C-alpha atoms as a PDB file:
ATOM      1  CA  UNK A   1      68.114  89.551 119.040  1.00  0.00           C
ATOM      2  CA  UNK A   2      70.101  92.559 117.867  1.00  0.00           C
ATOM      3  CA  UNK A   3      68.034  93.644 114.861  1.00  0.00           C
ATOM      4  CA  UNK A   4      70.453  96.468 113.984  1.00  0.00           C
ATOM      5  CA  UNK A   5      73.300  93.961 113.750  1.00  0.00           C
ATOM      6  CA  UNK A   6      71.187  91.529 111.710  1.00  0.00           C
ATOM      7  CA  UNK A   7      70.092  94.337 109.396  1.00  0.00           C
ATOM      8  CA  UNK A   8      73.719  95.397 108.914  1.00  0.00           C
ATOM      9  CA  UNK A   9      74.757  91.833 108.036  1.00  0.00           C
ATOM     10  CA  UNK A  10      71.914  91.450 105.510  1.00  0.00           C
ATOM     11  CA  UNK A  11      72.692  94.834 103.942  1.00  0.00           C
ATOM     12  CA  UNK A  12      76.396  93.991 103.638  1.00  0.00           C
ATOM     13  CA  UNK A  13      75.609  90.635 101.999  1.00  0.00           C
ATOM     14  CA  UNK A  14      73.334  92.334  99.452  1.00  0.00           C
ATOM     15  CA  UNK A  15      75.847  95.116  98.782  1.00  0.00           C
ATOM     16  CA  UNK A  16      78.630  92.586  98.250  1.00  0.00           C
ATOM     17  CA  UNK A  17      76.500  90.509  95.880  1.00  0.00           C
ATOM     18  CA  UNK A  18      75.680  93.612  93.824  1.00  0.00           C
ATOM     19  CA  UNK A  19      78.924  95.582  93.917  1.00  0.00           C
ATOM     20  CA  UNK A  20      81.389  92.686  93.816  1.00  0.00           C
ATOM     21  CA  UNK A  21      79.929  91.795  90.447  1.00  0.00           C
ATOM     22  CA  UNK A  22      81.958  94.572  88.820  1.00  0.00           C
ATOM     23  CA  UNK A  23      85.201  93.157  90.206  1.00  0.00           C
ATOM     24  CA  UNK A  24      84.229  89.666  89.061  1.00  0.00           C
ATOM     25  CA  UNK A  25      83.460  90.957  85.562  1.00  0.00           C
ATOM     26  CA  UNK A  26      86.809  92.712  85.103  1.00  0.00           C
ATOM     27  CA  UNK A  27      88.724  89.673  86.397  1.00  0.00           C
ATOM     28  CA  UNK A  28      86.798  87.369  84.045  1.00  0.00           C
ATOM     29  CA  UNK A  29      87.345  89.676  81.061  1.00  0.00           C
ATOM     30  CA  UNK A  30      91.044  90.187  81.727  1.00  0.00           C
ATOM     31  CA  UNK A  31      91.774  86.485  82.272  1.00  0.00           C
ATOM     32  CA  UNK A  32      89.582  84.882  79.619  1.00  0.00           C
ATOM     33  CA  UNK A  33      92.341  84.615  76.999  1.00  0.00           C
ATOM     34  CA  UNK A  34      94.922  83.034  79.296  1.00  0.00           C
ATOM     35  CA  UNK A  35      95.777  79.305  79.416  1.00  0.00           C
ATOM     36  CA  UNK A  36      93.892  77.400  82.134  1.00  0.00           C
ATOM     37  CA  UNK A  37      96.735  77.418  84.693  1.00  0.00           C
ATOM     38  CA  UNK A  38      97.404  81.143  84.312  1.00  0.00           C
ATOM     39  CA  UNK A  39      93.677  81.919  84.176  1.00  0.00           C
ATOM     40  CA  UNK A  40      93.176  80.302  87.596  1.00  0.00           C
ATOM     41  CA  UNK A  41      96.146  82.248  88.956  1.00  0.00           C
ATOM     42  CA  UNK A  42      94.777  85.520  87.567  1.00  0.00           C
ATOM     43  CA  UNK A  43      91.354  84.861  89.099  1.00  0.00           C
ATOM     44  CA  UNK A  44      92.814  83.946  92.513  1.00  0.00           C
ATOM     45  CA  UNK A  45      95.267  86.844  92.728  1.00  0.00           C
ATOM     46  CA  UNK A  46      92.811  89.263  91.152  1.00  0.00           C
ATOM     47  CA  UNK A  47      90.157  88.469  93.767  1.00  0.00           C
ATOM     48  CA  UNK A  48      92.706  88.565  96.593  1.00  0.00           C
ATOM     49  CA  UNK A  49      94.121  91.921  95.502  1.00  0.00           C
ATOM     50  CA  UNK A  50      90.601  93.315  95.096  1.00  0.00           C
ATOM     51  CA  UNK A  51      89.940  92.683  98.788  1.00  0.00           C
ATOM     52  CA  UNK A  52      93.385  93.930  99.888  1.00  0.00           C
ATOM     53  CA  UNK A  53      92.766  97.161  97.959  1.00  0.00           C
ATOM     54  CA  UNK A  54      89.374  97.558  99.627  1.00  0.00           C
ATOM     55  CA  UNK A  55      90.983  97.222 103.047  1.00  0.00           C
ATOM     56  CA  UNK A  56      93.637  99.828 102.208  1.00  0.00           C
ATOM     57  CA  UNK A  57      91.103 102.181 100.624  1.00  0.00           C
ATOM     58  CA  UNK A  58      88.772 101.907 103.623  1.00  0.00           C
ATOM     59  CA  UNK A  59      90.955 104.446 105.408  1.00  0.00           C
ATOM     60  CA  UNK A  60      91.255 106.808 102.433  1.00  0.00           C
ATOM     61  CA  UNK A  61      87.866 106.651 100.697  1.00  0.00           C
ATOM     62  CA  UNK A  62      86.119 109.432 102.605  1.00  0.00           C
ATOM     63  CA  UNK A  63      89.046 111.783 101.962  1.00  0.00           C
ATOM     64  CA  UNK A  64      89.476 110.852  98.296  1.00  0.00           C
ATOM     65  CA  UNK A  65      85.804 111.295  97.437  1.00  0.00           C
ATOM     66  CA  UNK A  66      85.923 114.887  98.721  1.00  0.00           C
ATOM     67  CA  UNK A  67      88.532 115.822  96.122  1.00  0.00           C
ATOM     68  CA  UNK A  68      87.016 117.330  92.945  1.00  0.00           C
ATOM     69  CA  UNK A  69      87.481 115.397  89.699  1.00  0.00           C
ATOM     70  CA  UNK A  70      88.648 112.187  91.449  1.00  0.00           C
ATOM     71  CA  UNK A  71      85.557 110.221  90.423  1.00  0.00           C
ATOM     72  CA  UNK A  72      85.443 111.916  87.016  1.00  0.00           C
ATOM     73  CA  UNK A  73      89.018 110.874  86.239  1.00  0.00           C
ATOM     74  CA  UNK A  74      88.395 107.450  87.755  1.00  0.00           C
ATOM     75  CA  UNK A  75      85.305 107.013  85.575  1.00  0.00           C
ATOM     76  CA  UNK A  76      87.185 107.993  82.416  1.00  0.00           C
ATOM     77  CA  UNK A  77      90.008 105.562  83.246  1.00  0.00           C
ATOM     78  CA  UNK A  78      87.532 102.765  83.957  1.00  0.00           C
ATOM     79  CA  UNK A  79      85.774 103.432  80.631  1.00  0.00           C
ATOM     80  CA  UNK A  80      89.159 103.149  78.891  1.00  0.00           C
ATOM     81  CA  UNK A  81      89.859  99.854  80.675  1.00  0.00           C
ATOM     82  CA  UNK A  82      86.425  98.551  79.614  1.00  0.00           C
ATOM     83  CA  UNK A  83      87.287  99.391  76.003  1.00  0.00           C
ATOM     84  CA  UNK A  84      90.751  97.804  76.267  1.00  0.00           C
ATOM     85  CA  UNK A  85      89.175  94.599  77.550  1.00  0.00           C
ATOM     86  CA  UNK A  86      87.218  94.381  74.292  1.00  0.00           C
ATOM     87  CA  UNK A  87      90.403  94.273  72.216  1.00  0.00           C
ATOM     88  CA  UNK A  88      90.800  90.886  70.480  1.00  0.00           C
ATOM     89  CA  UNK A  89      92.649  88.455  72.739  1.00  0.00           C
ATOM     90  CA  UNK A  90      95.300  85.963  71.680  1.00  0.00           C
ATOM     91  CA  UNK A  91      94.124  82.519  70.716  1.00  0.00           C
ATOM     92  CA  UNK A  92      97.034  81.094  72.732  1.00  0.00           C
ATOM     93  CA  UNK A  93     100.541  82.024  73.839  1.00  0.00           C
ATOM     94  CA  UNK A  94     103.481  80.327  72.196  1.00  0.00           C
ATOM     95  CA  UNK A  95     106.006  80.100  75.046  1.00  0.00           C
ATOM     96  CA  UNK A  96     106.087  79.987  78.848  1.00  0.00           C
ATOM     97  CA  UNK A  97     107.675  83.437  78.860  1.00  0.00           C
ATOM     98  CA  UNK A  98     104.906  84.824  76.668  1.00  0.00           C
ATOM     99  CA  UNK A  99     102.208  83.242  78.870  1.00  0.00           C
ATOM    100  CA  UNK A 100     103.852  84.742  81.956  1.00  0.00           C
ATOM    101  CA  UNK A 101     103.950  88.166  80.288  1.00  0.00           C
ATOM    102  CA  UNK A 102     100.243  87.939  79.371  1.00  0.00           C
ATOM    103  CA  UNK A 103      99.436  86.911  82.942  1.00  0.00           C
ATOM    104  CA  UNK A 104     101.247  89.975  84.328  1.00  0.00           C
ATOM    105  CA  UNK A 105      99.417  92.281  81.894  1.00  0.00           C
ATOM    106  CA  UNK A 106      96.056  90.789  82.867  1.00  0.00           C
ATOM    107  CA  UNK A 107      96.848  91.134  86.576  1.00  0.00           C
ATOM    108  CA  UNK A 108      97.913  94.760  86.108  1.00  0.00           C
ATOM    109  CA  UNK A 109      94.643  95.520  84.301  1.00  0.00           C
ATOM    110  CA  UNK A 110      92.693  93.885  87.135  1.00  0.00           C
ATOM    111  CA  UNK A 111      94.567  95.895  89.774  1.00  0.00           C
ATOM    112  CA  UNK A 112      93.921  99.227  88.042  1.00  0.00           C
ATOM    113  CA  UNK A 113      90.222  98.470  87.577  1.00  0.00           C
ATOM    114  CA  UNK A 114      89.904  97.259  91.174  1.00  0.00           C
ATOM    115  CA  UNK A 115      91.477 100.463  92.480  1.00  0.00           C
ATOM    116  CA  UNK A 116      88.969 102.565  90.550  1.00  0.00           C
ATOM    117  CA  UNK A 117      85.908 100.501  91.466  1.00  0.00           C
ATOM    118  CA  UNK A 118      86.803  99.835  95.095  1.00  0.00           C
ATOM    119  CA  UNK A 119      86.138 103.461  96.070  1.00  0.00           C
ATOM    120  CA  UNK A 120      82.364 103.063  95.728  1.00  0.00           C
ATOM    121  CA  UNK A 121      82.391  99.504  97.070  1.00  0.00           C
ATOM    122  CA  UNK A 122      84.211 100.456 100.258  1.00  0.00           C
ATOM    123  CA  UNK A 123      81.989 103.478 100.816  1.00  0.00           C
ATOM    124  CA  UNK A 124      78.821 101.366 100.521  1.00  0.00           C
ATOM    125  CA  UNK A 125      80.062  98.610 102.872  1.00  0.00           C
ATOM    126  CA  UNK A 126      81.350 101.191 105.356  1.00  0.00           C
ATOM    127  CA  UNK A 127      77.943 102.875 105.344  1.00  0.00           C
ATOM    128  CA  UNK A 128      76.109  99.591 105.871  1.00  0.00           C
ATOM    129  CA  UNK A 129      78.393  98.684 108.789  1.00  0.00           C
ATOM    130  CA  UNK A 130      77.304 101.808 110.667  1.00  0.00           C
ATOM    131  CA  UNK A 131      80.780 102.262 112.101  1.00  0.00           C
ATOM    132  CA  UNK A 132      80.881  98.720 113.490  1.00  0.00           C
ATOM    133  CA  UNK A 133      84.452  97.485 112.912  1.00  0.00           C
ATOM    134  CA  UNK A 134      83.418  93.822 113.104  1.00  0.00           C
ATOM    135  CA  UNK A 135      80.681  94.299 110.499  1.00  0.00           C
ATOM    136  CA  UNK A 136      83.125  96.150 108.258  1.00  0.00           C
ATOM    137  CA  UNK A 137      85.643  93.293 108.581  1.00  0.00           C
ATOM    138  CA  UNK A 138      82.844  90.802 107.841  1.00  0.00           C
ATOM    139  CA  UNK A 139      81.889  92.716 104.717  1.00  0.00           C
ATOM    140  CA  UNK A 140      85.458  92.827 103.427  1.00  0.00           C
ATOM    141  CA  UNK A 141      86.027  89.121 104.158  1.00  0.00           C
ATOM    142  CA  UNK A 142      82.732  88.133 102.520  1.00  0.00           C
ATOM    143  CA  UNK A 143      83.760  89.764  99.256  1.00  0.00           C
ATOM    144  CA  UNK A 144      86.624  87.252  98.793  1.00  0.00           C
ATOM    145  CA  UNK A 145      84.513  84.129  98.056  1.00  0.00           C
ATOM    146  CA  UNK A 146      81.945  86.185  96.121  1.00  0.00           C
ATOM    147  CA  UNK A 147      84.545  87.650  93.769  1.00  0.00           C
ATOM    148  CA  UNK A 148      86.371  84.312  93.430  1.00  0.00           C
ATOM    149  CA  UNK A 149      83.236  82.320  92.628  1.00  0.00           C
ATOM    150  CA  UNK A 150      81.785  85.046  90.419  1.00  0.00           C
ATOM    151  CA  UNK A 151      84.913  85.601  88.335  1.00  0.00           C
ATOM    152  CA  UNK A 152      85.513  81.845  87.871  1.00  0.00           C
ATOM    153  CA  UNK A 153      81.952  81.323  86.686  1.00  0.00           C
ATOM    154  CA  UNK A 154      81.924  84.386  84.423  1.00  0.00           C
ATOM    155  CA  UNK A 155      85.294  83.513  82.889  1.00  0.00           C
ATOM    156  CA  UNK A 156      84.082  80.031  81.943  1.00  0.00           C
ATOM    157  CA  UNK A 157      80.796  81.354  80.555  1.00  0.00           C
ATOM    158  CA  UNK A 158      82.520  84.082  78.524  1.00  0.00           C
ATOM    159  CA  UNK A 159      84.875  81.546  76.965  1.00  0.00           C
ATOM    160  CA  UNK A 160      81.849  79.522  75.907  1.00  0.00           C
ATOM    161  CA  UNK A 161      79.762  82.494  74.778  1.00  0.00           C
ATOM    162  CA  UNK A 162      82.198  85.156  73.447  1.00  0.00           C
ATOM    163  CA  UNK A 163      79.431  87.712  72.829  1.00  0.00           C
ATOM    164  CA  UNK A 164      79.112  88.109  76.603  1.00  0.00           C
ATOM    165  CA  UNK A 165      82.335  90.149  76.596  1.00  0.00           C
ATOM    166  CA  UNK A 166      80.210  93.042  75.322  1.00  0.00           C
ATOM    167  CA  UNK A 167      77.855  92.634  78.267  1.00  0.00           C
ATOM    168  CA  UNK A 168      80.784  92.591  80.697  1.00  0.00           C
ATOM    169  CA  UNK A 169      82.397  95.644  79.121  1.00  0.00           C
ATOM    170  CA  UNK A 170      79.005  97.368  79.161  1.00  0.00           C
ATOM    171  CA  UNK A 171      78.660  96.745  82.906  1.00  0.00           C
ATOM    172  CA  UNK A 172      82.076  98.317  83.522  1.00  0.00           C
ATOM    173  CA  UNK A 173      81.296 101.246  81.215  1.00  0.00           C
ATOM    174  CA  UNK A 174      77.988 101.868  83.014  1.00  0.00           C
ATOM    175  CA  UNK A 175      79.863 101.862  86.344  1.00  0.00           C
ATOM    176  CA  UNK A 176      82.308 104.375  84.848  1.00  0.00           C
ATOM    177  CA  UNK A 177      79.424 106.647  83.845  1.00  0.00           C
ATOM    178  CA  UNK A 178      77.928 106.447  87.335  1.00  0.00           C
ATOM    179  CA  UNK A 179      81.286 107.424  88.842  1.00  0.00           C
ATOM    180  CA  UNK A 180      81.415 110.523  86.617  1.00  0.00           C
ATOM    181  CA  UNK A 181      77.903 111.603  87.614  1.00  0.00           C
ATOM    182  CA  UNK A 182      78.787 111.193  91.304  1.00  0.00           C
ATOM    183  CA  UNK A 183      81.930 113.343  91.103  1.00  0.00           C
ATOM    184  CA  UNK A 184      81.951 115.997  93.832  1.00  0.00           C
ATOM    185  CA  UNK A 185      82.308 118.971  91.444  1.00  0.00           C
ATOM    186  CA  UNK A 186      81.196 117.801  87.998  1.00  0.00           C
ATOM    187  CA  UNK A 187      78.271 115.846  89.411  1.00  0.00           C
ATOM    188  CA  UNK A 188      76.685 119.025  90.804  1.00  0.00           C
ATOM    189  CA  UNK A 189      76.488 120.433  87.262  1.00  0.00           C
ATOM    190  CA  UNK A 190      75.406 117.180  85.670  1.00  0.00           C
ATOM    191  CA  UNK A 191      72.573 116.709  88.152  1.00  0.00           C
ATOM    192  CA  UNK A 192      71.113 119.979  86.911  1.00  0.00           C
ATOM    193  CA  UNK A 193      70.518 118.326  83.540  1.00  0.00           C
ATOM    194  CA  UNK A 194      67.404 116.138  83.100  1.00  0.00           C
ATOM    195  CA  UNK A 195      67.952 112.382  83.429  1.00  0.00           C
ATOM    196  CA  UNK A 196      71.718 112.831  83.780  1.00  0.00           C
ATOM    197  CA  UNK A 197      71.929 109.895  86.225  1.00  0.00           C
ATOM    198  CA  UNK A 198      70.849 107.586  83.396  1.00  0.00           C
ATOM    199  CA  UNK A 199      71.890 109.552  80.303  1.00  0.00           C
ATOM    200  CA  UNK A 200      75.614 109.819  81.142  1.00  0.00           C
ATOM    201  CA  UNK A 201      76.144 106.098  81.949  1.00  0.00           C
ATOM    202  CA  UNK A 202      74.048 105.172  78.889  1.00  0.00           C
ATOM    203  CA  UNK A 203      76.132 107.344  76.549  1.00  0.00           C
ATOM    204  CA  UNK A 204      79.440 106.063  77.994  1.00  0.00           C
ATOM    205  CA  UNK A 205      78.251 102.453  77.689  1.00  0.00           C
ATOM    206  CA  UNK A 206      77.099 102.955  74.100  1.00  0.00           C
ATOM    207  CA  UNK A 207      80.416 104.564  73.098  1.00  0.00           C
ATOM    208  CA  UNK A 208      82.535 101.828  74.713  1.00  0.00           C
ATOM    209  CA  UNK A 209      80.501  98.913  73.338  1.00  0.00           C
ATOM    210  CA  UNK A 210      80.267 100.389  69.817  1.00  0.00           C
ATOM    211  CA  UNK A 211      83.975 101.295  69.704  1.00  0.00           C
ATOM    212  CA  UNK A 212      84.882  97.839  71.023  1.00  0.00           C
ATOM    213  CA  UNK A 213      82.665  96.166  68.427  1.00  0.00           C
ATOM    214  CA  UNK A 214      84.338  98.141  65.623  1.00  0.00           C
ATOM    215  CA  UNK A 215      87.811  97.233  66.918  1.00  0.00           C
ATOM    216  CA  UNK A 216      86.972  93.533  67.279  1.00  0.00           C
ATOM    217  CA  UNK A 217      85.366  93.494  63.830  1.00  0.00           C
ATOM    218  CA  UNK A 218      88.435  95.100  62.238  1.00  0.00           C
ATOM    219  CA  UNK A 219      90.967  93.018  64.205  1.00  0.00           C
ATOM    220  CA  UNK A 220      89.754  89.459  64.785  1.00  0.00           C
ATOM    221  CA  UNK A 221      91.704  87.421  67.327  1.00  0.00           C
ATOM    222  CA  UNK A 222      94.941  86.153  65.822  1.00  0.00           C
ATOM    223  CA  UNK A 223      97.518  83.929  67.434  1.00  0.00           C
ATOM    224  CA  UNK A 224     100.369  86.066  68.719  1.00  0.00           C
ATOM    225  CA  UNK A 225      98.380  89.325  68.567  1.00  0.00           C
ATOM    226  CA  UNK A 226      96.784  91.115  71.500  1.00  0.00           C
END
């Protein structure tokens, strides 16, 4: 038995289960306010595009992560997306055209978040594959059902328990903080500070969740308002 191959497969499965959770969370958050038909479309296309982006970024990740401030900017953008996802959603859309417009906005949000988060995901899977193209392809393919199943489940649960949107946004905000700490240039300075690996994500998460709570408290969901 090829233990190296088996180890690579197990590692890729674990990495996908852990890292694909972020993609599932953003898809669930972005689609939760859509009608059932459009919500299913958003989940399907969101998961599909997440994997397509990972495939495309596989060839560019190593280069991108060497550029200073890439992860810092990516982290800041992801934190902003996490906050935007906490904005009160519409109770329902009035017309087919309005539903279609909301669907496109949700899909665009998912794409942007997937682009930002896929950098770390691709790097981890590529590392676990050990340069084995077949293992890499297996890892990318495996993420499709994981993201699909995860986002469908999370979307349903969040619609039933609305307070979970704060948990989802917190997960994304924590990921954003981790990206900032890992930036090639800024991370070197941050690592000199005590507990920066935990302190930075914790501060970013607290800011996003608190700001989102204030916004949702001041602007409860109203039909026709995003």
